[in-house]
PDB file of N, CA and C in Angstrom:
ATOM      1  N   UNK A   1      87.779 214.418 289.899  1.00  0.00           N
ATOM      2  CA  UNK A   1      88.120 214.152 288.512  1.00  0.00           C
ATOM      3  C   UNK A   1      86.862 213.924 287.699  1.00  0.00           C
ATOM      4  N   UNK A   2      86.896 214.368 286.477  1.00  0.00           N
ATOM      5  CA  UNK A   2      85.747 214.162 285.604  1.00  0.00           C
ATOM      6  C   UNK A   2      85.836 212.794 284.946  1.00  0.00           C
ATOM      7  N   UNK A   3      84.833 212.477 284.133  1.00  0.00           N
ATOM      8  CA  UNK A   3      84.784 211.173 283.480  1.00  0.00           C
ATOM      9  C   UNK A   3      85.935 210.960 282.506  1.00  0.00           C
ATOM     10  N   UNK A   4      86.459 212.031 281.910  1.00  0.00           N
ATOM     11  CA  UNK A   4      87.541 211.853 280.940  1.00  0.00           C
ATOM     12  C   UNK A   4      88.919 211.877 281.593  1.00  0.00           C
ATOM     13  N   UNK A   5      88.972 211.893 282.924  1.00  0.00           N
ATOM     14  CA  UNK A   5      90.235 211.804 283.630  1.00  0.00           C
ATOM     15  C   UNK A   5      90.920 213.133 283.901  1.00  0.00           C
ATOM     16  N   UNK A   6      90.338 214.240 283.479  1.00  0.00           N
ATOM     17  CA  UNK A   6      90.939 215.552 283.723  1.00  0.00           C
ATOM     18  C   UNK A   6      90.488 216.081 285.079  1.00  0.00           C
ATOM     19  N   UNK A   7      91.380 216.786 285.745  1.00  0.00           N
ATOM     20  CA  UNK A   7      91.020 217.419 287.002  1.00  0.00           C
ATOM     21  C   UNK A   7      90.108 218.604 286.727  1.00  0.00           C
ATOM     22  N   UNK A   8      89.012 218.672 287.444  1.00  0.00           N
ATOM     23  CA  UNK A   8      88.069 219.771 287.285  1.00  0.00           C
ATOM     24  C   UNK A   8      88.039 220.567 288.588  1.00  0.00           C
ATOM     25  N   UNK A   9      88.283 221.876 288.522  1.00  0.00           N
ATOM     26  CA  UNK A   9      88.238 222.664 289.753  1.00  0.00           C
ATOM     27  C   UNK A   9      86.824 222.705 290.316  1.00  0.00           C
ATOM     28  N   UNK A  10      86.735 222.676 291.623  1.00  0.00           N
ATOM     29  CA  UNK A  10      85.440 222.719 292.293  1.00  0.00           C
ATOM     30  C   UNK A  10      85.216 224.149 292.776  1.00  0.00           C
ATOM     31  N   UNK A  11      84.675 225.007 291.907  1.00  0.00           N
ATOM     32  CA  UNK A  11      84.482 226.409 292.226  1.00  0.00           C
ATOM     33  C   UNK A  11      83.002 226.724 292.371  1.00  0.00           C
ATOM     34  N   UNK A  12      82.686 227.556 293.355  1.00  0.00           N
ATOM     35  CA  UNK A  12      81.303 228.011 293.469  1.00  0.00           C
ATOM     36  C   UNK A  12      81.056 229.106 292.432  1.00  0.00           C
ATOM     37  N   UNK A  13      79.835 229.559 292.336  1.00  0.00           N
ATOM     38  CA  UNK A  13      79.448 230.515 291.298  1.00  0.00           C
ATOM     39  C   UNK A  13      80.232 231.824 291.415  1.00  0.00           C
ATOM     40  N   UNK A  14      80.421 232.321 292.637  1.00  0.00           N
ATOM     41  CA  UNK A  14      81.141 233.582 292.830  1.00  0.00           C
ATOM     42  C   UNK A  14      82.616 233.431 292.463  1.00  0.00           C
ATOM     43  N   UNK A  15      83.230 232.307 292.819  1.00  0.00           N
ATOM     44  CA  UNK A  15      84.636 232.069 292.474  1.00  0.00           C
ATOM     45  C   UNK A  15      84.821 231.950 290.969  1.00  0.00           C
ATOM     46  N   UNK A  16      83.878 231.306 290.307  1.00  0.00           N
ATOM     47  CA  UNK A  16      83.937 231.175 288.850  1.00  0.00           C
ATOM     48  C   UNK A  16      83.835 232.544 288.188  1.00  0.00           C
ATOM     49  N   UNK A  17      82.927 233.382 288.690  1.00  0.00           N
ATOM     50  CA  UNK A  17      82.763 234.727 288.128  1.00  0.00           C
ATOM     51  C   UNK A  17      84.035 235.553 288.323  1.00  0.00           C
ATOM     52  N   UNK A  18      84.658 235.446 289.490  1.00  0.00           N
ATOM     53  CA  UNK A  18      85.895 236.174 289.760  1.00  0.00           C
ATOM     54  C   UNK A  18      87.033 235.680 288.868  1.00  0.00           C
ATOM     55  N   UNK A  19      87.125 234.376 288.672  1.00  0.00           N
ATOM     56  CA  UNK A  19      88.145 233.809 287.787  1.00  0.00           C
ATOM     57  C   UNK A  19      87.942 234.294 286.352  1.00  0.00           C
ATOM     58  N   UNK A  20      86.708 234.254 285.864  1.00  0.00           N
ATOM     59  CA  UNK A  20      86.411 234.743 284.512  1.00  0.00           C
ATOM     60  C   UNK A  20      86.750 236.224 284.375  1.00  0.00           C
ATOM     61  N   UNK A  21      86.418 237.024 285.390  1.00  0.00           N
ATOM     62  CA  UNK A  21      86.717 238.456 285.353  1.00  0.00           C
ATOM     63  C   UNK A  21      88.222 238.695 285.282  1.00  0.00           C
ATOM     64  N   UNK A  22      88.986 237.951 286.050  1.00  0.00           N
ATOM     65  CA  UNK A  22      90.446 238.082 286.043  1.00  0.00           C
ATOM     66  C   UNK A  22      91.017 237.771 284.664  1.00  0.00           C
ATOM     67  N   UNK A  23      90.538 236.709 284.044  1.00  0.00           N
ATOM     68  CA  UNK A  23      91.012 236.329 282.705  1.00  0.00           C
ATOM     69  C   UNK A  23      90.629 237.396 281.680  1.00  0.00           C
ATOM     70  N   UNK A  24      89.390 237.877 281.725  1.00  0.00           N
ATOM     71  CA  UNK A  24      88.944 238.903 280.783  1.00  0.00           C
ATOM     72  C   UNK A  24      89.719 240.205 280.961  1.00  0.00           C
ATOM     73  N   UNK A  25      90.065 240.544 282.203  1.00  0.00           N
ATOM     74  CA  UNK A  25      90.814 241.776 282.454  1.00  0.00           C
ATOM     75  C   UNK A  25      92.249 241.697 281.934  1.00  0.00           C
ATOM     76  N   UNK A  26      92.785 240.498 281.782  1.00  0.00           N
ATOM     77  CA  UNK A  26      94.105 240.349 281.151  1.00  0.00           C
ATOM     78  C   UNK A  26      94.027 240.730 279.677  1.00  0.00           C
ATOM     79  N   UNK A  27      92.902 240.414 279.046  1.00  0.00           N
ATOM     80  CA  UNK A  27      92.696 240.725 277.629  1.00  0.00           C
ATOM     81  C   UNK A  27      92.327 242.198 277.459  1.00  0.00           C
ATOM     82  N   UNK A  28      91.472 242.692 278.359  1.00  0.00           N
ATOM     83  CA  UNK A  28      90.975 244.064 278.263  1.00  0.00           C
ATOM     84  C   UNK A  28      90.918 244.660 279.673  1.00  0.00           C
ATOM     85  N   UNK A  29      91.923 245.434 280.068  1.00  0.00           N
ATOM     86  CA  UNK A  29      91.981 245.957 281.437  1.00  0.00           C
ATOM     87  C   UNK A  29      90.872 246.954 281.786  1.00  0.00           C
ATOM     88  N   UNK A  30      90.091 247.402 280.799  1.00  0.00           N
ATOM     89  CA  UNK A  30      89.008 248.345 281.063  1.00  0.00           C
ATOM     90  C   UNK A  30      87.725 247.664 281.536  1.00  0.00           C
ATOM     91  N   UNK A  31      87.686 246.327 281.515  1.00  0.00           N
ATOM     92  CA  UNK A  31      86.503 245.591 281.985  1.00  0.00           C
ATOM     93  C   UNK A  31      86.453 245.681 283.502  1.00  0.00           C
ATOM     94  N   UNK A  32      85.296 246.081 284.029  1.00  0.00           N
ATOM     95  CA  UNK A  32      85.170 246.188 285.480  1.00  0.00           C
ATOM     96  C   UNK A  32      84.147 245.221 286.075  1.00  0.00           C
ATOM     97  N   UNK A  33      83.258 244.669 285.234  1.00  0.00           N
ATOM     98  CA  UNK A  33      82.228 243.772 285.767  1.00  0.00           C
ATOM     99  C   UNK A  33      81.669 242.886 284.662  1.00  0.00           C
ATOM    100  N   UNK A  34      81.380 241.635 285.011  1.00  0.00           N
ATOM    101  CA  UNK A  34      80.670 240.732 284.103  1.00  0.00           C
ATOM    102  C   UNK A  34      79.192 240.838 284.443  1.00  0.00           C
ATOM    103  N   UNK A  35      78.388 241.221 283.463  1.00  0.00           N
ATOM    104  CA  UNK A  35      76.950 241.386 283.687  1.00  0.00           C
ATOM    105  C   UNK A  35      76.175 240.112 283.379  1.00  0.00           C
ATOM    106  N   UNK A  36      76.511 239.451 282.270  1.00  0.00           N
ATOM    107  CA  UNK A  36      75.811 238.236 281.835  1.00  0.00           C
ATOM    108  C   UNK A  36      76.841 237.265 281.273  1.00  0.00           C
ATOM    109  N   UNK A  37      76.643 235.988 281.541  1.00  0.00           N
ATOM    110  CA  UNK A  37      77.521 234.947 281.011  1.00  0.00           C
ATOM    111  C   UNK A  37      76.687 233.885 280.312  1.00  0.00           C
ATOM    112  N   UNK A  38      77.128 233.482 279.132  1.00  0.00           N
ATOM    113  CA  UNK A  38      76.549 232.330 278.434  1.00  0.00           C
ATOM    114  C   UNK A  38      77.680 231.319 278.281  1.00  0.00           C
ATOM    115  N   UNK A  39      77.484 230.123 278.799  1.00  0.00           N
ATOM    116  CA  UNK A  39      78.548 229.123 278.796  1.00  0.00           C
ATOM    117  C   UNK A  39      78.957 228.698 277.391  1.00  0.00           C
ATOM    118  N   UNK A  40      77.981 228.629 276.477  1.00  0.00           N
ATOM    119  CA  UNK A  40      78.321 228.192 275.121  1.00  0.00           C
ATOM    120  C   UNK A  40      77.357 228.821 274.123  1.00  0.00           C
ATOM    121  N   UNK A  41      77.920 229.501 273.138  1.00  0.00           N
ATOM    122  CA  UNK A  41      77.121 230.104 272.067  1.00  0.00           C
ATOM    123  C   UNK A  41      77.737 229.735 270.723  1.00  0.00           C
ATOM    124  N   UNK A  42      76.940 229.856 269.676  1.00  0.00           N
ATOM    125  CA  UNK A  42      77.393 229.623 268.301  1.00  0.00           C
ATOM    126  C   UNK A  42      76.968 230.814 267.459  1.00  0.00           C
ATOM    127  N   UNK A  43      77.835 231.226 266.552  1.00  0.00           N
ATOM    128  CA  UNK A  43      77.598 232.401 265.720  1.00  0.00           C
ATOM    129  C   UNK A  43      76.993 231.985 264.389  1.00  0.00           C
ATOM    130  N   UNK A  44      75.909 232.671 264.007  1.00  0.00           N
ATOM    131  CA  UNK A  44      75.249 232.449 262.723  1.00  0.00           C
ATOM    132  C   UNK A  44      75.182 233.769 261.967  1.00  0.00           C
ATOM    133  N   UNK A  45      75.132 233.678 260.648  1.00  0.00           N
ATOM    134  CA  UNK A  45      74.979 234.853 259.796  1.00  0.00           C
ATOM    135  C   UNK A  45      73.726 234.672 258.945  1.00  0.00           C
ATOM    136  N   UNK A  46      72.948 235.743 258.826  1.00  0.00           N
ATOM    137  CA  UNK A  46      71.722 235.679 258.036  1.00  0.00           C
ATOM    138  C   UNK A  46      71.959 236.279 256.662  1.00  0.00           C
ATOM    139  N   UNK A  47      71.637 235.516 255.622  1.00  0.00           N
ATOM    140  CA  UNK A  47      71.731 235.980 254.241  1.00  0.00           C
ATOM    141  C   UNK A  47      70.350 236.490 253.829  1.00  0.00           C
ATOM    142  N   UNK A  48      70.246 237.796 253.669  1.00  0.00           N
ATOM    143  CA  UNK A  48      68.954 238.415 253.350  1.00  0.00           C
ATOM    144  C   UNK A  48      68.433 237.958 251.991  1.00  0.00           C
ATOM    145  N   UNK A  49      69.319 237.863 251.013  1.00  0.00           N
ATOM    146  CA  UNK A  49      68.894 237.470 249.663  1.00  0.00           C
ATOM    147  C   UNK A  49      68.287 236.070 249.631  1.00  0.00           C
ATOM    148  N   UNK A  50      68.861 235.151 250.406  1.00  0.00           N
ATOM    149  CA  UNK A  50      68.375 233.769 250.429  1.00  0.00           C
ATOM    150  C   UNK A  50      67.393 233.501 251.572  1.00  0.00           C
ATOM    151  N   UNK A  51      67.232 234.479 252.463  1.00  0.00           N
ATOM    152  CA  UNK A  51      66.421 234.285 253.680  1.00  0.00           C
ATOM    153  C   UNK A  51      66.847 233.017 254.407  1.00  0.00           C
ATOM    154  N   UNK A  52      68.153 232.920 254.649  1.00  0.00           N
ATOM    155  CA  UNK A  52      68.710 231.686 255.203  1.00  0.00           C
ATOM    156  C   UNK A  52      69.836 232.005 256.186  1.00  0.00           C
ATOM    157  N   UNK A  53      69.876 231.213 257.267  1.00  0.00           N
ATOM    158  CA  UNK A  53      70.953 231.321 258.246  1.00  0.00           C
ATOM    159  C   UNK A  53      72.070 230.359 257.873  1.00  0.00           C
ATOM    160  N   UNK A  54      73.311 230.772 258.107  1.00  0.00           N
ATOM    161  CA  UNK A  54      74.440 229.857 257.927  1.00  0.00           C
ATOM    162  C   UNK A  54      75.321 229.919 259.175  1.00  0.00           C
ATOM    163  N   UNK A  55      75.713 228.746 259.623  1.00  0.00           N
ATOM    164  CA  UNK A  55      76.533 228.643 260.830  1.00  0.00           C
ATOM    165  C   UNK A  55      77.974 229.003 260.498  1.00  0.00           C
ATOM    166  N   UNK A  56      78.577 229.826 261.356  1.00  0.00           N
ATOM    167  CA  UNK A  56      79.969 230.234 261.185  1.00  0.00           C
ATOM    168  C   UNK A  56      80.862 229.399 262.096  1.00  0.00           C
ATOM    169  N   UNK A  57      82.149 229.458 261.845  1.00  0.00           N
ATOM    170  CA  UNK A  57      83.113 228.678 262.623  1.00  0.00           C
ATOM    171  C   UNK A  57      83.555 229.451 263.869  1.00  0.00           C
ATOM    172  N   UNK A  58      82.567 229.922 264.635  1.00  0.00           N
ATOM    173  CA  UNK A  58      82.831 230.672 265.859  1.00  0.00           C
ATOM    174  C   UNK A  58      81.896 230.138 266.933  1.00  0.00           C
ATOM    175  N   UNK A  59      82.459 229.634 268.024  1.00  0.00           N
ATOM    176  CA  UNK A  59      81.644 229.197 269.145  1.00  0.00           C
ATOM    177  C   UNK A  59      82.465 229.192 270.414  1.00  0.00           C
ATOM    178  N   UNK A  60      81.786 229.281 271.546  1.00  0.00           N
ATOM    179  CA  UNK A  60      82.462 229.304 272.840  1.00  0.00           C
ATOM    180  C   UNK A  60      81.655 230.102 273.846  1.00  0.00           C
ATOM    181  N   UNK A  61      82.330 230.552 274.897  1.00  0.00           N
ATOM    182  CA  UNK A  61      81.681 231.345 275.941  1.00  0.00           C
ATOM    183  C   UNK A  61      81.426 232.763 275.450  1.00  0.00           C
ATOM    184  N   UNK A  62      80.403 233.391 276.026  1.00  0.00           N
ATOM    185  CA  UNK A  62      80.083 234.779 275.696  1.00  0.00           C
ATOM    186  C   UNK A  62      79.828 235.535 276.990  1.00  0.00           C
ATOM    187  N   UNK A  63      80.403 236.722 277.077  1.00  0.00           N
ATOM    188  CA  UNK A  63      80.223 237.572 278.248  1.00  0.00           C
ATOM    189  C   UNK A  63      79.713 238.937 277.807  1.00  0.00           C
ATOM    190  N   UNK A  64      78.775 239.477 278.563  1.00  0.00           N
ATOM    191  CA  UNK A  64      78.390 240.877 278.420  1.00  0.00           C
ATOM    192  C   UNK A  64      79.050 241.576 279.598  1.00  0.00           C
ATOM    193  N   UNK A  65      79.905 242.557 279.297  1.00  0.00           N
ATOM    194  CA  UNK A  65      80.698 243.188 280.348  1.00  0.00           C
ATOM    195  C   UNK A  65      80.436 244.685 280.422  1.00  0.00           C
ATOM    196  N   UNK A  66      80.695 245.225 281.599  1.00  0.00           N
ATOM    197  CA  UNK A  66      80.655 246.668 281.822  1.00  0.00           C
ATOM    198  C   UNK A  66      82.101 247.141 281.884  1.00  0.00           C
ATOM    199  N   UNK A  67      82.392 248.249 281.175  1.00  0.00           N
ATOM    200  CA  UNK A  67      83.748 248.786 281.114  1.00  0.00           C
ATOM    201  C   UNK A  67      83.792 250.164 281.768  1.00  0.00           C
ATOM    202  N   UNK A  68      85.000 250.591 282.159  1.00  0.00           N
ATOM    203  CA  UNK A  68      85.135 251.902 282.784  1.00  0.00           C
ATOM    204  C   UNK A  68      85.525 252.985 281.777  1.00  0.00           C
ATOM    205  N   UNK A  69      85.365 252.705 280.489  1.00  0.00           N
ATOM    206  CA  UNK A  69      85.602 253.660 279.410  1.00  0.00           C
ATOM    207  C   UNK A  69      84.630 253.351 278.275  1.00  0.00           C
ATOM    208  N   UNK A  70      84.613 254.173 277.259  1.00  0.00           N
ATOM    209  CA  UNK A  70      83.716 253.938 276.119  1.00  0.00           C
ATOM    210  C   UNK A  70      84.269 252.847 275.213  1.00  0.00           C
ATOM    211  N   UNK A  71      83.490 251.983 274.678  1.00  0.00           N
ATOM    212  CA  UNK A  71      82.069 251.798 274.970  1.00  0.00           C
ATOM    213  C   UNK A  71      81.875 251.222 276.370  1.00  0.00           C
ATOM    214  N   UNK A  72      80.845 251.653 277.058  1.00  0.00           N
ATOM    215  CA  UNK A  72      80.618 251.236 278.451  1.00  0.00           C
ATOM    216  C   UNK A  72      80.233 249.765 278.565  1.00  0.00           C
ATOM    217  N   UNK A  73      79.600 249.215 277.543  1.00  0.00           N
ATOM    218  CA  UNK A  73      79.161 247.820 277.568  1.00  0.00           C
ATOM    219  C   UNK A  73      79.656 247.139 276.304  1.00  0.00           C
ATOM    220  N   UNK A  74      79.973 245.842 276.431  1.00  0.00           N
ATOM    221  CA  UNK A  74      80.586 245.146 275.296  1.00  0.00           C
ATOM    222  C   UNK A  74      80.323 243.646 275.396  1.00  0.00           C
ATOM    223  N   UNK A  75      80.221 243.002 274.230  1.00  0.00           N
ATOM    224  CA  UNK A  75      80.216 241.541 274.153  1.00  0.00           C
ATOM    225  C   UNK A  75      81.663 241.085 274.035  1.00  0.00           C
ATOM    226  N   UNK A  76      82.030 240.060 274.796  1.00  0.00           N
ATOM    227  CA  UNK A  76      83.378 239.492 274.703  1.00  0.00           C
ATOM    228  C   UNK A  76      83.236 237.993 274.553  1.00  0.00           C
TER     229      UNK A  76
END
């Protein structure tokens, strides 16, 4: 159990990758492999006129995947 009282699965790196692949394939069945994983990312947009970054309301895990159709590679 974690500090906040929730049960946390004890998965090794390979099991975690397989679990993530299974979940991603439910969303997009053309995904065949996870190439890169980032546990947490945040999306920013650059305003050229102001030369300024602004944070968007998008954050979470990011995967770079290989697909068996076009496009062959994709961010998810």
